């Protein structure tokens, strides 16, 4: 669910309607993502989650804990018994691997 929230945030629409009352929202016709855009976002989400699932265990663990579950650096390091430097190295490698293996999802 965190990836879905991230996609929504990056689209610039997250929370827009919540900031406006009903009349203001109707007056400016708050933009809603088109069905095509929603389908594209769902496909991207599927690709990213599949990519994370294919990562080696050590990289997958840090992505799941730090990115998807939004645990703090300290929590992740304690759970995995690793140093902060090791965590950051693993996150970098995991993100790089995803970017190389999922070019369409990251575009």
PDB file of N, CA and C in Angstrom:
ATOM      1  N   UNK A   1       0.815  -1.198   0.000  1.00  0.00           N
ATOM      2  CA  UNK A   1       0.000   0.000   0.000  1.00  0.00           C
ATOM      3  C   UNK A   1       0.858   1.260   0.000  1.00  0.00           C
ATOM      4  N   UNK A   2       2.059   1.156   0.505  1.00  0.00           N
ATOM      5  CA  UNK A   2       2.939   2.324   0.551  1.00  0.00           C
ATOM      6  C   UNK A   2       3.348   2.755  -0.849  1.00  0.00           C
ATOM      7  N   UNK A   3       3.548   1.800  -1.736  1.00  0.00           N
ATOM      8  CA  UNK A   3       3.905   2.135  -3.107  1.00  0.00           C
ATOM      9  C   UNK A   3       2.752   2.869  -3.776  1.00  0.00           C
ATOM     10  N   UNK A   4       1.525   2.436  -3.521  1.00  0.00           N
ATOM     11  CA  UNK A   4       0.357   3.116  -4.098  1.00  0.00           C
ATOM     12  C   UNK A   4       0.321   4.559  -3.620  1.00  0.00           C
ATOM     13  N   UNK A   5       0.548   4.763  -2.313  1.00  0.00           N
ATOM     14  CA  UNK A   5       0.570   6.117  -1.775  1.00  0.00           C
ATOM     15  C   UNK A   5       1.669   6.943  -2.419  1.00  0.00           C
ATOM     16  N   UNK A   6       2.829   6.331  -2.617  1.00  0.00           N
ATOM     17  CA  UNK A   6       3.944   7.034  -3.247  1.00  0.00           C
ATOM     18  C   UNK A   6       3.598   7.449  -4.672  1.00  0.00           C
ATOM     19  N   UNK A   7       2.967   6.558  -5.416  1.00  0.00           N
ATOM     20  CA  UNK A   7       2.567   6.881  -6.786  1.00  0.00           C
ATOM     21  C   UNK A   7       1.564   8.025  -6.781  1.00  0.00           C
ATOM     22  N   UNK A   8       0.616   7.980  -5.856  1.00  0.00           N
ATOM     23  CA  UNK A   8      -0.368   9.062  -5.758  1.00  0.00           C
ATOM     24  C   UNK A   8       0.306  10.388  -5.421  1.00  0.00           C
ATOM     25  N   UNK A   9       1.243  10.354  -4.475  1.00  0.00           N
ATOM     26  CA  UNK A   9       1.939  11.573  -4.093  1.00  0.00           C
ATOM     27  C   UNK A   9       2.717  12.151  -5.262  1.00  0.00           C
ATOM     28  N   UNK A  10       3.389  11.289  -6.007  1.00  0.00           N
ATOM     29  CA  UNK A  10       4.187  11.768  -7.138  1.00  0.00           C
ATOM     30  C   UNK A  10       3.320  12.292  -8.272  1.00  0.00           C
ATOM     31  N   UNK A  11       2.055  11.859  -8.318  1.00  0.00           N
ATOM     32  CA  UNK A  11       1.165  12.364  -9.365  1.00  0.00           C
ATOM     33  C   UNK A  11       0.673  13.764  -9.030  1.00  0.00           C
ATOM     34  N   UNK A  12       0.883  14.210  -7.779  1.00  0.00           N
ATOM     35  CA  UNK A  12       0.485  15.556  -7.387  1.00  0.00           C
ATOM     36  C   UNK A  12      -0.979  15.681  -7.017  1.00  0.00           C
ATOM     37  N   UNK A  13      -1.708  14.588  -6.965  1.00  0.00           N
ATOM     38  CA  UNK A  13      -3.135  14.643  -6.678  1.00  0.00           C
ATOM     39  C   UNK A  13      -3.460  14.237  -5.255  1.00  0.00           C
ATOM     40  N   UNK A  14      -2.537  13.632  -4.560  1.00  0.00           N
ATOM     41  CA  UNK A  14      -2.803  13.124  -3.228  1.00  0.00           C
ATOM     42  C   UNK A  14      -3.156  14.258  -2.279  1.00  0.00           C
ATOM     43  N   UNK A  15      -4.322  14.178  -1.686  1.00  0.00           N
ATOM     44  CA  UNK A  15      -4.727  15.152  -0.689  1.00  0.00           C
ATOM     45  C   UNK A  15      -5.327  16.421  -1.233  1.00  0.00           C
ATOM     46  N   UNK A  16      -5.336  16.626  -2.543  1.00  0.00           N
ATOM     47  CA  UNK A  16      -5.873  17.861  -3.101  1.00  0.00           C
ATOM     48  C   UNK A  16      -7.335  18.022  -2.748  1.00  0.00           C
ATOM     49  N   UNK A  17      -8.121  17.002  -2.974  1.00  0.00           N
ATOM     50  CA  UNK A  17      -9.551  17.088  -2.685  1.00  0.00           C
ATOM     51  C   UNK A  17      -9.802  17.213  -1.191  1.00  0.00           C
ATOM     52  N   UNK A  18      -8.943  16.644  -0.365  1.00  0.00           N
ATOM     53  CA  UNK A  18      -9.110  16.727   1.078  1.00  0.00           C
ATOM     54  C   UNK A  18      -8.890  18.141   1.581  1.00  0.00           C
ATOM     55  N   UNK A  19      -8.101  18.934   0.883  1.00  0.00           N
ATOM     56  CA  UNK A  19      -7.813  20.298   1.295  1.00  0.00           C
ATOM     57  C   UNK A  19      -8.933  21.261   0.949  1.00  0.00           C
ATOM     58  N   UNK A  20      -9.836  20.853   0.105  1.00  0.00           N
ATOM     59  CA  UNK A  20     -10.899  21.728  -0.360  1.00  0.00           C
ATOM     60  C   UNK A  20     -12.234  21.255   0.170  1.00  0.00           C
ATOM     61  N   UNK A  21     -13.147  22.227   0.441  1.00  0.00           N
ATOM     62  CA  UNK A  21     -14.490  21.790   0.811  1.00  0.00           C
ATOM     63  C   UNK A  21     -15.226  21.362  -0.452  1.00  0.00           C
ATOM     64  N   UNK A  22     -16.383  20.767  -0.298  1.00  0.00           N
ATOM     65  CA  UNK A  22     -17.115  20.211  -1.432  1.00  0.00           C
ATOM     66  C   UNK A  22     -17.424  21.220  -2.515  1.00  0.00           C
ATOM     67  N   UNK A  23     -17.874  22.433  -2.121  1.00  0.00           N
ATOM     68  CA  UNK A  23     -18.234  23.449  -3.116  1.00  0.00           C
ATOM     69  C   UNK A  23     -17.014  23.912  -3.901  1.00  0.00           C
ATOM     70  N   UNK A  24     -15.916  24.152  -3.202  1.00  0.00           N
ATOM     71  CA  UNK A  24     -14.705  24.607  -3.885  1.00  0.00           C
ATOM     72  C   UNK A  24     -14.213  23.541  -4.846  1.00  0.00           C
ATOM     73  N   UNK A  25     -14.307  22.314  -4.423  1.00  0.00           N
ATOM     74  CA  UNK A  25     -13.863  21.214  -5.277  1.00  0.00           C
ATOM     75  C   UNK A  25     -14.721  21.138  -6.533  1.00  0.00           C
ATOM     76  N   UNK A  26     -16.024  21.285  -6.390  1.00  0.00           N
ATOM     77  CA  UNK A  26     -16.906  21.257  -7.548  1.00  0.00           C
ATOM     78  C   UNK A  26     -16.669  22.459  -8.448  1.00  0.00           C
ATOM     79  N   UNK A  27     -16.410  23.618  -7.852  1.00  0.00           N
ATOM     80  CA  UNK A  27     -16.231  24.843  -8.627  1.00  0.00           C
ATOM     81  C   UNK A  27     -15.007  24.762  -9.529  1.00  0.00           C
ATOM     82  N   UNK A  28     -13.935  24.139  -9.057  1.00  0.00           N
ATOM     83  CA  UNK A  28     -12.726  24.072  -9.885  1.00  0.00           C
ATOM     84  C   UNK A  28     -12.580  22.718 -10.568  1.00  0.00           C
ATOM     85  N   UNK A  29     -13.552  21.846 -10.369  1.00  0.00           N
ATOM     86  CA  UNK A  29     -13.550  20.523 -10.977  1.00  0.00           C
ATOM     87  C   UNK A  29     -12.218  19.809 -10.731  1.00  0.00           C
ATOM     88  N   UNK A  30     -12.044  19.387  -9.502  1.00  0.00           N
ATOM     89  CA  UNK A  30     -10.810  18.703  -9.102  1.00  0.00           C
ATOM     90  C   UNK A  30     -10.471  17.600 -10.097  1.00  0.00           C
ATOM     91  N   UNK A  31      -9.232  17.588 -10.556  1.00  0.00           N
ATOM     92  CA  UNK A  31      -8.847  16.574 -11.541  1.00  0.00           C
ATOM     93  C   UNK A  31      -8.822  15.185 -10.920  1.00  0.00           C
ATOM     94  N   UNK A  32      -9.374  14.248 -11.625  1.00  0.00           N
ATOM     95  CA  UNK A  32      -9.334  12.849 -11.219  1.00  0.00           C
ATOM     96  C   UNK A  32      -8.493  12.102 -12.248  1.00  0.00           C
ATOM     97  N   UNK A  33      -7.695  11.168 -11.781  1.00  0.00           N
ATOM     98  CA  UNK A  33      -6.906  10.401 -12.748  1.00  0.00           C
ATOM     99  C   UNK A  33      -7.828   9.658 -13.710  1.00  0.00           C
ATOM    100  N   UNK A  34      -7.441   9.639 -14.945  1.00  0.00           N
ATOM    101  CA  UNK A  34      -8.232   8.937 -15.953  1.00  0.00           C
ATOM    102  C   UNK A  34      -8.119   7.431 -15.720  1.00  0.00           C
ATOM    103  N   UNK A  35      -9.070   6.664 -16.245  1.00  0.00           N
ATOM    104  CA  UNK A  35      -8.962   5.205 -16.120  1.00  0.00           C
ATOM    105  C   UNK A  35      -7.643   4.673 -16.685  1.00  0.00           C
ATOM    106  N   UNK A  36      -7.175   5.284 -17.769  1.00  0.00           N
ATOM    107  CA  UNK A  36      -5.895   4.855 -18.347  1.00  0.00           C
ATOM    108  C   UNK A  36      -4.743   5.114 -17.383  1.00  0.00           C
ATOM    109  N   UNK A  37      -4.773   6.283 -16.732  1.00  0.00           N
ATOM    110  CA  UNK A  37      -3.721   6.640 -15.782  1.00  0.00           C
ATOM    111  C   UNK A  37      -3.749   5.695 -14.580  1.00  0.00           C
ATOM    112  N   UNK A  38      -4.952   5.382 -14.096  1.00  0.00           N
ATOM    113  CA  UNK A  38      -5.072   4.443 -12.978  1.00  0.00           C
ATOM    114  C   UNK A  38      -4.541   3.062 -13.354  1.00  0.00           C
ATOM    115  N   UNK A  39      -4.867   2.611 -14.551  1.00  0.00           N
ATOM    116  CA  UNK A  39      -4.375   1.310 -15.019  1.00  0.00           C
ATOM    117  C   UNK A  39      -2.852   1.323 -15.117  1.00  0.00           C
ATOM    118  N   UNK A  40      -2.304   2.428 -15.602  1.00  0.00           N
ATOM    119  CA  UNK A  40      -0.849   2.566 -15.717  1.00  0.00           C
ATOM    120  C   UNK A  40      -0.197   2.521 -14.336  1.00  0.00           C
ATOM    121  N   UNK A  41      -0.802   3.214 -13.370  1.00  0.00           N
ATOM    122  CA  UNK A  41      -0.256   3.223 -12.013  1.00  0.00           C
ATOM    123  C   UNK A  41      -0.315   1.834 -11.383  1.00  0.00           C
ATOM    124  N   UNK A  42      -1.408   1.117 -11.610  1.00  0.00           N
ATOM    125  CA  UNK A  42      -1.523  -0.250 -11.080  1.00  0.00           C
ATOM    126  C   UNK A  42      -0.465  -1.167 -11.693  1.00  0.00           C
ATOM    127  N   UNK A  43      -0.246  -1.020 -12.990  1.00  0.00           N
ATOM    128  CA  UNK A  43       0.763  -1.830 -13.671  1.00  0.00           C
ATOM    129  C   UNK A  43       2.156  -1.515 -13.128  1.00  0.00           C
ATOM    130  N   UNK A  44       2.438  -0.241 -12.922  1.00  0.00           N
ATOM    131  CA  UNK A  44       3.724   0.162 -12.356  1.00  0.00           C
ATOM    132  C   UNK A  44       3.898  -0.432 -10.970  1.00  0.00           C
ATOM    133  N   UNK A  45       2.850  -0.352 -10.171  1.00  0.00           N
ATOM    134  CA  UNK A  45       2.901  -0.920  -8.822  1.00  0.00           C
ATOM    135  C   UNK A  45       3.196  -2.414  -8.876  1.00  0.00           C
ATOM    136  N   UNK A  46       2.503  -3.128  -9.742  1.00  0.00           N
ATOM    137  CA  UNK A  46       2.743  -4.572  -9.882  1.00  0.00           C
ATOM    138  C   UNK A  46       4.194  -4.851 -10.273  1.00  0.00           C
ATOM    139  N   UNK A  47       4.711  -4.089 -11.227  1.00  0.00           N
ATOM    140  CA  UNK A  47       6.084  -4.303 -11.688  1.00  0.00           C
ATOM    141  C   UNK A  47       7.089  -4.037 -10.571  1.00  0.00           C
ATOM    142  N   UNK A  48       6.871  -2.977  -9.816  1.00  0.00           N
ATOM    143  CA  UNK A  48       7.792  -2.641  -8.730  1.00  0.00           C
ATOM    144  C   UNK A  48       7.752  -3.720  -7.652  1.00  0.00           C
ATOM    145  N   UNK A  49       6.554  -4.135  -7.260  1.00  0.00           N
ATOM    146  CA  UNK A  49       6.443  -5.175  -6.232  1.00  0.00           C
ATOM    147  C   UNK A  49       7.040  -6.498  -6.704  1.00  0.00           C
ATOM    148  N   UNK A  50       6.849  -6.837  -7.976  1.00  0.00           N
ATOM    149  CA  UNK A  50       7.462  -8.048  -8.522  1.00  0.00           C
ATOM    150  C   UNK A  50       8.982  -7.915  -8.539  1.00  0.00           C
ATOM    151  N   UNK A  51       9.463  -6.725  -8.871  1.00  0.00           N
ATOM    152  CA  UNK A  51      10.901  -6.487  -8.868  1.00  0.00           C
ATOM    153  C   UNK A  51      11.492  -6.626  -7.481  1.00  0.00           C
ATOM    154  N   UNK A  52      10.793  -6.085  -6.481  1.00  0.00           N
ATOM    155  CA  UNK A  52      11.255  -6.212  -5.097  1.00  0.00           C
ATOM    156  C   UNK A  52      11.272  -7.681  -4.688  1.00  0.00           C
ATOM    157  N   UNK A  53      10.250  -8.418  -5.060  1.00  0.00           N
ATOM    158  CA  UNK A  53      10.169  -9.843  -4.703  1.00  0.00           C
ATOM    159  C   UNK A  53      11.313 -10.650  -5.307  1.00  0.00           C
ATOM    160  N   UNK A  54      11.858 -10.202  -6.435  1.00  0.00           N
ATOM    161  CA  UNK A  54      12.941 -10.923  -7.107  1.00  0.00           C
ATOM    162  C   UNK A  54      14.331 -10.538  -6.601  1.00  0.00           C
ATOM    163  N   UNK A  55      14.411  -9.511  -5.767  1.00  0.00           N
ATOM    164  CA  UNK A  55      15.708  -9.095  -5.235  1.00  0.00           C
ATOM    165  C   UNK A  55      16.276 -10.180  -4.324  1.00  0.00           C
ATOM    166  N   UNK A  56      17.601 -10.238  -4.206  1.00  0.00           N
ATOM    167  CA  UNK A  56      18.195 -11.145  -3.223  1.00  0.00           C
ATOM    168  C   UNK A  56      17.662 -10.806  -1.820  1.00  0.00           C
ATOM    169  N   UNK A  57      17.611 -11.794  -0.958  1.00  0.00           N
ATOM    170  CA  UNK A  57      16.995 -11.654   0.365  1.00  0.00           C
ATOM    171  C   UNK A  57      17.466 -10.407   1.123  1.00  0.00           C
ATOM    172  N   UNK A  58      18.769 -10.166   1.179  1.00  0.00           N
ATOM    173  CA  UNK A  58      19.293  -9.027   1.929  1.00  0.00           C
ATOM    174  C   UNK A  58      18.810  -7.691   1.399  1.00  0.00           C
ATOM    175  N   UNK A  59      18.706  -7.572   0.083  1.00  0.00           N
ATOM    176  CA  UNK A  59      18.215  -6.338  -0.526  1.00  0.00           C
ATOM    177  C   UNK A  59      16.703  -6.228  -0.374  1.00  0.00           C
ATOM    178  N   UNK A  60      16.030  -7.341  -0.526  1.00  0.00           N
ATOM    179  CA  UNK A  60      14.570  -7.357  -0.393  1.00  0.00           C
ATOM    180  C   UNK A  60      14.160  -6.957   1.030  1.00  0.00           C
ATOM    181  N   UNK A  61      14.868  -7.479   2.017  1.00  0.00           N
ATOM    182  CA  UNK A  61      14.538  -7.169   3.411  1.00  0.00           C
ATOM    183  C   UNK A  61      14.610  -5.673   3.695  1.00  0.00           C
ATOM    184  N   UNK A  62      15.681  -5.019   3.242  1.00  0.00           N
ATOM    185  CA  UNK A  62      15.797  -3.587   3.532  1.00  0.00           C
ATOM    186  C   UNK A  62      14.738  -2.782   2.785  1.00  0.00           C
ATOM    187  N   UNK A  63      14.403  -3.178   1.573  1.00  0.00           N
ATOM    188  CA  UNK A  63      13.353  -2.469   0.826  1.00  0.00           C
ATOM    189  C   UNK A  63      11.997  -2.635   1.510  1.00  0.00           C
ATOM    190  N   UNK A  64      11.696  -3.843   1.942  1.00  0.00           N
ATOM    191  CA  UNK A  64      10.412  -4.079   2.598  1.00  0.00           C
ATOM    192  C   UNK A  64      10.308  -3.310   3.909  1.00  0.00           C
ATOM    193  N   UNK A  65      11.348  -3.371   4.731  1.00  0.00           N
ATOM    194  CA  UNK A  65      11.289  -2.721   6.038  1.00  0.00           C
ATOM    195  C   UNK A  65      11.378  -1.201   5.947  1.00  0.00           C
ATOM    196  N   UNK A  66      12.352  -0.715   5.190  1.00  0.00           N
ATOM    197  CA  UNK A  66      12.602   0.734   5.168  1.00  0.00           C
ATOM    198  C   UNK A  66      11.634   1.471   4.251  1.00  0.00           C
ATOM    199  N   UNK A  67      11.368   0.938   3.069  1.00  0.00           N
ATOM    200  CA  UNK A  67      10.561   1.645   2.074  1.00  0.00           C
ATOM    201  C   UNK A  67       9.080   1.309   2.209  1.00  0.00           C
ATOM    202  N   UNK A  68       8.746   0.034   2.180  1.00  0.00           N
ATOM    203  CA  UNK A  68       7.334  -0.339   2.198  1.00  0.00           C
ATOM    204  C   UNK A  68       6.701  -0.176   3.574  1.00  0.00           C
ATOM    205  N   UNK A  69       7.418  -0.581   4.623  1.00  0.00           N
ATOM    206  CA  UNK A  69       6.868  -0.471   5.971  1.00  0.00           C
ATOM    207  C   UNK A  69       7.235   0.842   6.652  1.00  0.00           C
ATOM    208  N   UNK A  70       8.097   1.627   6.021  1.00  0.00           N
ATOM    209  CA  UNK A  70       8.530   2.940   6.516  1.00  0.00           C
ATOM    210  C   UNK A  70       9.097   2.891   7.933  1.00  0.00           C
ATOM    211  N   UNK A  71       9.844   1.835   8.232  1.00  0.00           N
ATOM    212  CA  UNK A  71      10.496   1.759   9.531  1.00  0.00           C
ATOM    213  C   UNK A  71      11.695   2.696   9.534  1.00  0.00           C
ATOM    214  N   UNK A  72      12.066   3.149  10.708  1.00  0.00           N
ATOM    215  CA  UNK A  72      13.205   4.052  10.826  1.00  0.00           C
ATOM    216  C   UNK A  72      14.502   3.301  10.532  1.00  0.00           C
ATOM    217  N   UNK A  73      15.537   4.077  10.270  1.00  0.00           N
ATOM    218  CA  UNK A  73      16.856   3.492  10.034  1.00  0.00           C
ATOM    219  C   UNK A  73      17.269   2.630  11.218  1.00  0.00           C
ATOM    220  N   UNK A  74      17.085   3.156  12.423  1.00  0.00           N
ATOM    221  CA  UNK A  74      17.470   2.419  13.627  1.00  0.00           C
ATOM    222  C   UNK A  74      16.693   1.110  13.753  1.00  0.00           C
ATOM    223  N   UNK A  75      15.397   1.144  13.465  1.00  0.00           N
ATOM    224  CA  UNK A  75      14.581  -0.069  13.562  1.00  0.00           C
ATOM    225  C   UNK A  75      15.041  -1.132  12.572  1.00  0.00           C
ATOM    226  N   UNK A  76      15.318  -0.707  11.350  1.00  0.00           N
ATOM    227  CA  UNK A  76      15.752  -1.661  10.325  1.00  0.00           C
ATOM    228  C   UNK A  76      17.101  -2.256  10.698  1.00  0.00           C
ATOM    229  N   UNK A  77      18.017  -1.397  11.120  1.00  0.00           N
ATOM    230  CA  UNK A  77      19.349  -1.881  11.501  1.00  0.00           C
ATOM    231  C   UNK A  77      19.262  -2.873  12.652  1.00  0.00           C
ATOM    232  N   UNK A  78      18.418  -2.582  13.617  1.00  0.00           N
ATOM    233  CA  UNK A  78      18.265  -3.490  14.753  1.00  0.00           C
ATOM    234  C   UNK A  78      17.628  -4.809  14.312  1.00  0.00           C
ATOM    235  N   UNK A  79      16.591  -4.736  13.505  1.00  0.00           N
ATOM    236  CA  UNK A  79      15.889  -5.947  13.061  1.00  0.00           C
ATOM    237  C   UNK A  79      16.792  -6.863  12.243  1.00  0.00           C
ATOM    238  N   UNK A  80      17.656  -6.255  11.427  1.00  0.00           N
ATOM    239  CA  UNK A  80      18.514  -7.047  10.542  1.00  0.00           C
ATOM    240  C   UNK A  80      19.934  -7.230  11.081  1.00  0.00           C
ATOM    241  N   UNK A  81      20.207  -6.616  12.233  1.00  0.00           N
ATOM    242  CA  UNK A  81      21.538  -6.681  12.843  1.00  0.00           C
ATOM    243  C   UNK A  81      22.615  -6.219  11.866  1.00  0.00           C
ATOM    244  N   UNK A  82      22.387  -5.028  11.280  1.00  0.00           N
ATOM    245  CA  UNK A  82      23.357  -4.437  10.355  1.00  0.00           C
ATOM    246  C   UNK A  82      23.639  -2.999  10.781  1.00  0.00           C
ATOM    247  N   UNK A  83      24.721  -2.440  10.253  1.00  0.00           N
ATOM    248  CA  UNK A  83      25.063  -1.050  10.545  1.00  0.00           C
ATOM    249  C   UNK A  83      24.285  -0.118   9.620  1.00  0.00           C
ATOM    250  N   UNK A  84      24.263   1.164   9.985  1.00  0.00           N
ATOM    251  CA  UNK A  84      23.605   2.154   9.127  1.00  0.00           C
ATOM    252  C   UNK A  84      24.257   2.197   7.754  1.00  0.00           C
ATOM    253  N   UNK A  85      25.586   2.169   7.724  1.00  0.00           N
ATOM    254  CA  UNK A  85      26.281   2.193   6.436  1.00  0.00           C
ATOM    255  C   UNK A  85      25.878   1.008   5.570  1.00  0.00           C
ATOM    256  N   UNK A  86      25.775  -0.154   6.187  1.00  0.00           N
ATOM    257  CA  UNK A  86      25.376  -1.337   5.436  1.00  0.00           C
ATOM    258  C   UNK A  86      23.946  -1.197   4.928  1.00  0.00           C
ATOM    259  N   UNK A  87      23.069  -0.633   5.750  1.00  0.00           N
ATOM    260  CA  UNK A  87      21.687  -0.406   5.323  1.00  0.00           C
ATOM    261  C   UNK A  87      21.651   0.494   4.098  1.00  0.00           C
ATOM    262  N   UNK A  88      22.373   1.607   4.158  1.00  0.00           N
ATOM    263  CA  UNK A  88      22.353   2.551   3.041  1.00  0.00           C
ATOM    264  C   UNK A  88      22.960   1.941   1.776  1.00  0.00           C
ATOM    265  N   UNK A  89      23.997   1.127   1.944  1.00  0.00           N
ATOM    266  CA  UNK A  89      24.587   0.440   0.791  1.00  0.00           C
ATOM    267  C   UNK A  89      23.585  -0.527   0.163  1.00  0.00           C
ATOM    268  N   UNK A  90      22.877  -1.259   1.002  1.00  0.00           N
ATOM    269  CA  UNK A  90      21.880  -2.205   0.492  1.00  0.00           C
ATOM    270  C   UNK A  90      20.720  -1.477  -0.197  1.00  0.00           C
ATOM    271  N   UNK A  91      20.271  -0.374   0.401  1.00  0.00           N
ATOM    272  CA  UNK A  91      19.188   0.391  -0.227  1.00  0.00           C
ATOM    273  C   UNK A  91      19.618   0.919  -1.589  1.00  0.00           C
ATOM    274  N   UNK A  92      20.835   1.434  -1.663  1.00  0.00           N
ATOM    275  CA  UNK A  92      21.344   1.946  -2.935  1.00  0.00           C
ATOM    276  C   UNK A  92      21.382   0.833  -3.980  1.00  0.00           C
ATOM    277  N   UNK A  93      21.923  -0.307  -3.583  1.00  0.00           N
ATOM    278  CA  UNK A  93      22.041  -1.430  -4.517  1.00  0.00           C
ATOM    279  C   UNK A  93      20.659  -1.944  -4.935  1.00  0.00           C
ATOM    280  N   UNK A  94      19.729  -2.013  -4.001  1.00  0.00           N
ATOM    281  CA  UNK A  94      18.373  -2.482  -4.320  1.00  0.00           C
ATOM    282  C   UNK A  94      17.690  -1.528  -5.293  1.00  0.00           C
ATOM    283  N   UNK A  95      17.789  -0.231  -5.037  1.00  0.00           N
ATOM    284  CA  UNK A  95      17.166   0.757  -5.929  1.00  0.00           C
ATOM    285  C   UNK A  95      17.809   0.740  -7.308  1.00  0.00           C
ATOM    286  N   UNK A  96      19.126   0.612  -7.336  1.00  0.00           N
ATOM    287  CA  UNK A  96      19.826   0.553  -8.619  1.00  0.00           C
ATOM    288  C   UNK A  96      19.404  -0.688  -9.395  1.00  0.00           C
ATOM    289  N   UNK A  97      19.320  -1.809  -8.719  1.00  0.00           N
ATOM    290  CA  UNK A  97      18.897  -3.058  -9.360  1.00  0.00           C
ATOM    291  C   UNK A  97      17.488  -2.923  -9.912  1.00  0.00           C
ATOM    292  N   UNK A  98      16.586  -2.343  -9.127  1.00  0.00           N
ATOM    293  CA  UNK A  98      15.213  -2.137  -9.601  1.00  0.00           C
ATOM    294  C   UNK A  98      15.190  -1.217 -10.817  1.00  0.00           C
ATOM    295  N   UNK A  99      15.948  -0.136 -10.751  1.00  0.00           N
ATOM    296  CA  UNK A  99      15.967   0.817 -11.866  1.00  0.00           C
ATOM    297  C   UNK A  99      16.490   0.166 -13.146  1.00  0.00           C
ATOM    298  N   UNK A 100      17.480  -0.695 -13.020  1.00  0.00           N
ATOM    299  CA  UNK A 100      18.036  -1.368 -14.191  1.00  0.00           C
ATOM    300  C   UNK A 100      17.101  -2.439 -14.742  1.00  0.00           C
ATOM    301  N   UNK A 101      16.377  -3.100 -13.847  1.00  0.00           N
ATOM    302  CA  UNK A 101      15.513  -4.200 -14.264  1.00  0.00           C
ATOM    303  C   UNK A 101      14.087  -3.774 -14.587  1.00  0.00           C
ATOM    304  N   UNK A 102      13.709  -2.574 -14.192  1.00  0.00           N
ATOM    305  CA  UNK A 102      12.342  -2.104 -14.414  1.00  0.00           C
ATOM    306  C   UNK A 102      12.329  -0.742 -15.098  1.00  0.00           C
ATOM    307  N   UNK A 103      12.989  -0.603 -16.229  1.00  0.00           N
ATOM    308  CA  UNK A 103      13.063   0.729 -16.849  1.00  0.00           C
ATOM    309  C   UNK A 103      11.700   1.295 -17.224  1.00  0.00           C
ATOM    310  N   UNK A 104      10.765   0.452 -17.625  1.00  0.00           N
ATOM    311  CA  UNK A 104       9.446   0.954 -18.010  1.00  0.00           C
ATOM    312  C   UNK A 104       8.667   1.437 -16.797  1.00  0.00           C
ATOM    313  N   UNK A 105       8.815   0.768 -15.677  1.00  0.00           N
ATOM    314  CA  UNK A 105       8.080   1.142 -14.473  1.00  0.00           C
ATOM    315  C   UNK A 105       8.600   2.438 -13.889  1.00  0.00           C
ATOM    316  N   UNK A 106       9.873   2.739 -14.110  1.00  0.00           N
ATOM    317  CA  UNK A 106      10.467   3.921 -13.509  1.00  0.00           C
ATOM    318  C   UNK A 106      10.403   5.147 -14.410  1.00  0.00           C
ATOM    319  N   UNK A 107       9.964   4.986 -15.641  1.00  0.00           N
ATOM    320  CA  UNK A 107       9.936   6.112 -16.582  1.00  0.00           C
ATOM    321  C   UNK A 107       8.847   7.097 -16.256  1.00  0.00           C
TER     322      UNK A 107
END
